[in-house]
Amino acid sequence: MRILGIDPGFATIGFGLITAERGRVHMVTYGAITTPAGLPLSRRLYQISCDMEELIGKLKPDVISIEELFFNTNITTGIAVAHGRGVILCAAEKCGVPLYEYTPSQVKLAVVGYGKAEKRQVMDMTRRLLGLASVPRPDDAADALALALCHARSRTSRLPQTSDVKETV
């Protein structure tokens, strides 16, 4: 399975593609989509949409794993990131790729084994699990690879999925 992890944003959108087969994961590629700071938000969002559709078409993922938004202290930045995330969701839907959303705590739990792990711990475990010599840069790309790993580990869980649970009468 080809899993494309996406760390949403509006200035920098991290992406990371992995393959996951029989409990083994391999990094295929990673990077970032960027938009120039001087452009109006609407133009940046349009550029994100075009770039995401091109990226999805080029990488041909089976699924996309994206981070759910977590608002910390800067609500203004959070709103702009939410706009970017919405455009990414729309691009995935337009391309017909199934989308899975994970909270930061779910990513930390899947990658590190602890839902309150520090960012550096997640980055180091991502590096180790993928057998990389160093942590991918920029940080957004490393986060995207962690999101892809989260989905790879979540889909192999032995816990029943909602479609697997049968009602008994």
C-alpha atoms as a PDB file:
ATOM      1  CA  MET A   1       0.000   0.000   0.000  1.00  0.00           C
ATOM      2  CA  ARG A   2       1.223   3.480  -0.907  1.00  0.00           C
ATOM      3  CA  ILE A   3       0.437   5.953   1.884  1.00  0.00           C
ATOM      4  CA  LEU A   4       0.841   9.694   1.365  1.00  0.00           C
ATOM      5  CA  GLY A   5       1.150  11.595   4.625  1.00  0.00           C
ATOM      6  CA  ILE A   6       0.278  15.295   4.530  1.00  0.00           C
ATOM      7  CA  ASP A   7       1.160  17.905   7.159  1.00  0.00           C
ATOM      8  CA  PRO A   8      -1.272  20.713   6.245  1.00  0.00           C
ATOM      9  CA  GLY A   9      -0.453  24.401   6.085  1.00  0.00           C
ATOM     10  CA  PHE A  10      -0.633  27.390   3.793  1.00  0.00           C
ATOM     11  CA  ALA A  11       3.014  28.508   3.585  1.00  0.00           C
ATOM     12  CA  THR A  12       4.591  25.044   3.792  1.00  0.00           C
ATOM     13  CA  ILE A  13       2.775  21.750   3.273  1.00  0.00           C
ATOM     14  CA  GLY A  14       4.841  18.698   4.152  1.00  0.00           C
ATOM     15  CA  PHE A  15       4.384  15.445   2.272  1.00  0.00           C
ATOM     16  CA  GLY A  16       5.860  11.987   2.664  1.00  0.00           C
ATOM     17  CA  LEU A  17       5.133   8.820   0.696  1.00  0.00           C
ATOM     18  CA  ILE A  18       5.805   5.383   2.168  1.00  0.00           C
ATOM     19  CA  THR A  19       4.990   1.849   1.159  1.00  0.00           C
ATOM     20  CA  ALA A  20       3.633  -0.535   3.761  1.00  0.00           C
ATOM     21  CA  GLU A  21       3.425  -4.281   3.131  1.00  0.00           C
ATOM     22  CA  ARG A  22       3.221  -7.097   5.671  1.00  0.00           C
ATOM     23  CA  GLY A  23       4.362  -4.955   8.574  1.00  0.00           C
ATOM     24  CA  ARG A  24       7.323  -3.498   6.671  1.00  0.00           C
ATOM     25  CA  VAL A  25       7.534   0.165   5.778  1.00  0.00           C
ATOM     26  CA  HIS A  26       9.812   1.933   3.304  1.00  0.00           C
ATOM     27  CA  MET A  27      10.199   5.618   2.567  1.00  0.00           C
ATOM     28  CA  VAL A  28       9.662   6.418  -1.126  1.00  0.00           C
ATOM     29  CA  THR A  29       9.943  10.217  -1.170  1.00  0.00           C
ATOM     30  CA  TYR A  30       9.269  13.310   0.890  1.00  0.00           C
ATOM     31  CA  GLY A  31       9.360  17.056   0.558  1.00  0.00           C
ATOM     32  CA  ALA A  32       7.315  20.206   0.878  1.00  0.00           C
ATOM     33  CA  ILE A  33       5.018  22.347  -1.203  1.00  0.00           C
ATOM     34  CA  THR A  34       5.582  26.035  -0.530  1.00  0.00           C
ATOM     35  CA  THR A  35       3.719  29.199  -1.447  1.00  0.00           C
ATOM     36  CA  PRO A  36       5.284  32.677  -1.624  1.00  0.00           C
ATOM     37  CA  ALA A  37       4.553  34.931   1.347  1.00  0.00           C
ATOM     38  CA  GLY A  38       3.721  37.957  -0.828  1.00  0.00           C
ATOM     39  CA  LEU A  39       0.728  36.363  -2.522  1.00  0.00           C
ATOM     40  CA  PRO A  40      -2.839  36.938  -1.327  1.00  0.00           C
ATOM     41  CA  LEU A  41      -4.318  34.021   0.620  1.00  0.00           C
ATOM     42  CA  SER A  42      -6.735  33.174  -2.201  1.00  0.00           C
ATOM     43  CA  ARG A  43      -3.854  32.825  -4.687  1.00  0.00           C
ATOM     44  CA  ARG A  44      -1.863  30.701  -2.232  1.00  0.00           C
ATOM     45  CA  LEU A  45      -4.855  28.398  -1.727  1.00  0.00           C
ATOM     46  CA  TYR A  46      -5.324  28.046  -5.484  1.00  0.00           C
ATOM     47  CA  GLN A  47      -1.620  27.181  -5.831  1.00  0.00           C
ATOM     48  CA  ILE A  48      -1.899  24.565  -3.042  1.00  0.00           C
ATOM     49  CA  SER A  49      -4.871  23.000  -4.832  1.00  0.00           C
ATOM     50  CA  CYS A  50      -3.039  22.786  -8.163  1.00  0.00           C
ATOM     51  CA  ASP A  51       0.171  21.488  -6.564  1.00  0.00           C
ATOM     52  CA  MET A  52      -1.677  18.872  -4.486  1.00  0.00           C
ATOM     53  CA  GLU A  53      -3.565  17.544  -7.501  1.00  0.00           C
ATOM     54  CA  GLU A  54      -0.285  17.326  -9.428  1.00  0.00           C
ATOM     55  CA  LEU A  55       1.478  15.618  -6.503  1.00  0.00           C
ATOM     56  CA  ILE A  56      -1.313  13.067  -6.045  1.00  0.00           C
ATOM     57  CA  GLY A  57      -1.313  12.355  -9.786  1.00  0.00           C
ATOM     58  CA  LYS A  58       2.452  11.879  -9.824  1.00  0.00           C
ATOM     59  CA  LEU A  59       2.811   9.781  -6.644  1.00  0.00           C
ATOM     60  CA  LYS A  60      -0.390   7.718  -7.076  1.00  0.00           C
ATOM     61  CA  PRO A  61      -1.059   6.965  -3.396  1.00  0.00           C
ATOM     62  CA  ASP A  62      -3.622   4.359  -2.368  1.00  0.00           C
ATOM     63  CA  VAL A  63      -4.608   6.488   0.643  1.00  0.00           C
ATOM     64  CA  ILE A  64      -3.827   9.869   2.156  1.00  0.00           C
ATOM     65  CA  SER A  65      -3.196  10.392   5.864  1.00  0.00           C
ATOM     66  CA  ILE A  66      -3.623  13.984   7.058  1.00  0.00           C
ATOM     67  CA  GLU A  67      -3.360  15.677  10.419  1.00  0.00           C
ATOM     68  CA  GLU A  68      -6.465  17.009  12.108  1.00  0.00           C
ATOM     69  CA  LEU A  69      -6.036  20.599  13.198  1.00  0.00           C
ATOM     70  CA  PHE A  70      -5.002  21.468  16.705  1.00  0.00           C
ATOM     71  CA  PHE A  71      -5.274  25.148  17.631  1.00  0.00           C
ATOM     72  CA  ASN A  72      -2.683  26.258  20.103  1.00  0.00           C
ATOM     73  CA  THR A  73      -2.183  29.949  20.860  1.00  0.00           C
ATOM     74  CA  ASN A  74      -2.192  31.696  17.460  1.00  0.00           C
ATOM     75  CA  ILE A  75      -5.770  31.510  16.184  1.00  0.00           C
ATOM     76  CA  THR A  76      -5.009  33.713  13.140  1.00  0.00           C
ATOM     77  CA  THR A  77      -2.378  31.277  11.862  1.00  0.00           C
ATOM     78  CA  GLY A  78      -4.715  28.413  12.725  1.00  0.00           C
ATOM     79  CA  ILE A  79      -7.444  29.844  10.511  1.00  0.00           C
ATOM     80  CA  ALA A  80      -5.082  30.184   7.545  1.00  0.00           C
ATOM     81  CA  VAL A  81      -3.866  26.597   8.095  1.00  0.00           C
ATOM     82  CA  ALA A  82      -7.513  25.483   8.224  1.00  0.00           C
ATOM     83  CA  HIS A  83      -8.079  27.101   4.824  1.00  0.00           C
ATOM     84  CA  GLY A  84      -5.058  25.248   3.434  1.00  0.00           C
ATOM     85  CA  ARG A  85      -6.224  21.977   4.961  1.00  0.00           C
ATOM     86  CA  GLY A  86      -9.655  22.423   3.394  1.00  0.00           C
ATOM     87  CA  VAL A  87      -8.117  22.871  -0.038  1.00  0.00           C
ATOM     88  CA  ILE A  88      -6.009  19.728   0.499  1.00  0.00           C
ATOM     89  CA  LEU A  89      -9.104  17.730   1.530  1.00  0.00           C
ATOM     90  CA  CYS A  90     -10.893  18.949  -1.585  1.00  0.00           C
ATOM     91  CA  ALA A  91      -7.938  18.005  -3.842  1.00  0.00           C
ATOM     92  CA  ALA A  92      -7.830  14.480  -2.354  1.00  0.00           C
ATOM     93  CA  GLU A  93     -11.561  14.070  -2.927  1.00  0.00           C
ATOM     94  CA  LYS A  94     -11.280  15.406  -6.472  1.00  0.00           C
ATOM     95  CA  CYS A  95      -8.526  12.855  -7.186  1.00  0.00           C
ATOM     96  CA  GLY A  96     -10.608  10.046  -5.656  1.00  0.00           C
ATOM     97  CA  VAL A  97      -8.060   9.035  -3.013  1.00  0.00           C
ATOM     98  CA  PRO A  98      -9.439   7.787   0.341  1.00  0.00           C
ATOM     99  CA  LEU A  99      -8.547  10.123   3.179  1.00  0.00           C
ATOM    100  CA  TYR A 100      -7.815   9.302   6.833  1.00  0.00           C
ATOM    101  CA  GLU A 101      -7.457  11.923   9.547  1.00  0.00           C
ATOM    102  CA  TYR A 102      -5.383  11.609  12.724  1.00  0.00           C
ATOM    103  CA  THR A 103      -4.921  13.857  15.739  1.00  0.00           C
ATOM    104  CA  PRO A 104      -1.405  14.760  16.875  1.00  0.00           C
ATOM    105  CA  SER A 105      -1.875  12.447  19.895  1.00  0.00           C
ATOM    106  CA  GLN A 106      -2.812   9.520  17.643  1.00  0.00           C
ATOM    107  CA  VAL A 107       0.322  10.094  15.541  1.00  0.00           C
ATOM    108  CA  LYS A 108       2.515  10.241  18.642  1.00  0.00           C
ATOM    109  CA  LEU A 109       0.956   7.076  20.041  1.00  0.00           C
ATOM    110  CA  ALA A 110       1.346   5.160  16.761  1.00  0.00           C
ATOM    111  CA  VAL A 111       4.942   6.247  16.101  1.00  0.00           C
ATOM    112  CA  VAL A 112       6.442   6.559  19.601  1.00  0.00           C
ATOM    113  CA  GLY A 113       4.024   4.554  21.731  1.00  0.00           C
ATOM    114  CA  TYR A 114       3.171   7.525  23.935  1.00  0.00           C
ATOM    115  CA  GLY A 115       0.431  10.028  23.042  1.00  0.00           C
ATOM    116  CA  LYS A 116       2.199  12.935  24.742  1.00  0.00           C
ATOM    117  CA  ALA A 117       5.638  12.371  23.223  1.00  0.00           C
ATOM    118  CA  GLU A 118       7.763  15.372  22.329  1.00  0.00           C
ATOM    119  CA  LYS A 119       8.197  16.428  18.707  1.00  0.00           C
ATOM    120  CA  ARG A 120      11.888  15.419  18.661  1.00  0.00           C
ATOM    121  CA  GLN A 121      10.952  11.919  19.870  1.00  0.00           C
ATOM    122  CA  VAL A 122       8.449  11.544  17.010  1.00  0.00           C
ATOM    123  CA  MET A 123      11.012  12.753  14.498  1.00  0.00           C
ATOM    124  CA  ASP A 124      13.695  10.391  15.782  1.00  0.00           C
ATOM    125  CA  MET A 125      11.360   7.375  15.786  1.00  0.00           C
ATOM    126  CA  THR A 126      10.209   8.264  12.260  1.00  0.00           C
ATOM    127  CA  ARG A 127      13.870   8.260  11.193  1.00  0.00           C
ATOM    128  CA  ARG A 128      14.491   4.915  12.922  1.00  0.00           C
ATOM    129  CA  LEU A 129      11.344   3.174  11.669  1.00  0.00           C
ATOM    130  CA  LEU A 130      12.127   4.181   8.096  1.00  0.00           C
ATOM    131  CA  GLY A 131      15.839   3.351   8.395  1.00  0.00           C
ATOM    132  CA  LEU A 132      16.965   6.864   7.462  1.00  0.00           C
ATOM    133  CA  ALA A 133      20.413   8.282   8.226  1.00  0.00           C
ATOM    134  CA  SER A 134      18.965  11.581   9.469  1.00  0.00           C
ATOM    135  CA  VAL A 135      15.655  13.215  10.298  1.00  0.00           C
ATOM    136  CA  PRO A 136      13.998  14.455   7.082  1.00  0.00           C
ATOM    137  CA  ARG A 137      13.967  18.202   6.515  1.00  0.00           C
ATOM    138  CA  PRO A 138      11.996  20.385   6.565  1.00  0.00           C
ATOM    139  CA  ASP A 139      10.183  19.454   9.788  1.00  0.00           C
ATOM    140  CA  ASP A 140       6.893  19.503   7.856  1.00  0.00           C
ATOM    141  CA  ALA A 141       8.129  16.602   5.703  1.00  0.00           C
ATOM    142  CA  ALA A 142       9.165  14.623   8.789  1.00  0.00           C
ATOM    143  CA  ASP A 143       5.709  15.261  10.267  1.00  0.00           C
ATOM    144  CA  ALA A 144       4.108  14.046   7.034  1.00  0.00           C
ATOM    145  CA  LEU A 145       6.138  10.814   7.130  1.00  0.00           C
ATOM    146  CA  ALA A 146       5.024  10.316  10.748  1.00  0.00           C
ATOM    147  CA  LEU A 147       1.408  10.707   9.582  1.00  0.00           C
ATOM    148  CA  ALA A 148       1.963   8.066   6.904  1.00  0.00           C
ATOM    149  CA  LEU A 149       3.510   5.745   9.503  1.00  0.00           C
ATOM    150  CA  CYS A 150       0.539   6.368  11.792  1.00  0.00           C
ATOM    151  CA  HIS A 151      -1.833   5.124   9.104  1.00  0.00           C
ATOM    152  CA  ALA A 152       0.383   2.131   8.290  1.00  0.00           C
ATOM    153  CA  ARG A 153       0.371   1.118  11.942  1.00  0.00           C
ATOM    154  CA  SER A 154      -3.313   1.896  12.502  1.00  0.00           C
ATOM    155  CA  ARG A 155      -4.572  -0.135   9.559  1.00  0.00           C
ATOM    156  CA  THR A 156      -2.781  -3.248  10.858  1.00  0.00           C
ATOM    157  CA  SER A 157      -4.296  -2.967  14.317  1.00  0.00           C
ATOM    158  CA  ARG A 158      -5.964  -6.113  15.589  1.00  0.00           C
ATOM    159  CA  LEU A 159      -8.729  -4.028  17.119  1.00  0.00           C
ATOM    160  CA  PRO A 160     -11.978  -4.503  15.199  1.00  0.00           C
ATOM    161  CA  GLN A 161     -12.810  -1.798  12.687  1.00  0.00           C
ATOM    162  CA  THR A 162     -16.368  -0.458  12.608  1.00  0.00           C
ATOM    163  CA  SER A 163     -17.120  -2.449   9.442  1.00  0.00           C
ATOM    164  CA  ASP A 164     -15.761  -5.635  11.124  1.00  0.00           C
ATOM    165  CA  VAL A 165     -18.060  -5.427  14.136  1.00  0.00           C
ATOM    166  CA  LYS A 166     -21.203  -7.485  13.699  1.00  0.00           C
ATOM    167  CA  GLU A 167     -24.271  -6.919  15.796  1.00  0.00           C
ATOM    168  CA  THR A 168     -25.590  -9.874  17.743  1.00  0.00           C
ATOM    169  CA  VAL A 169     -29.256 -10.144  18.439  1.00  0.00           C
END
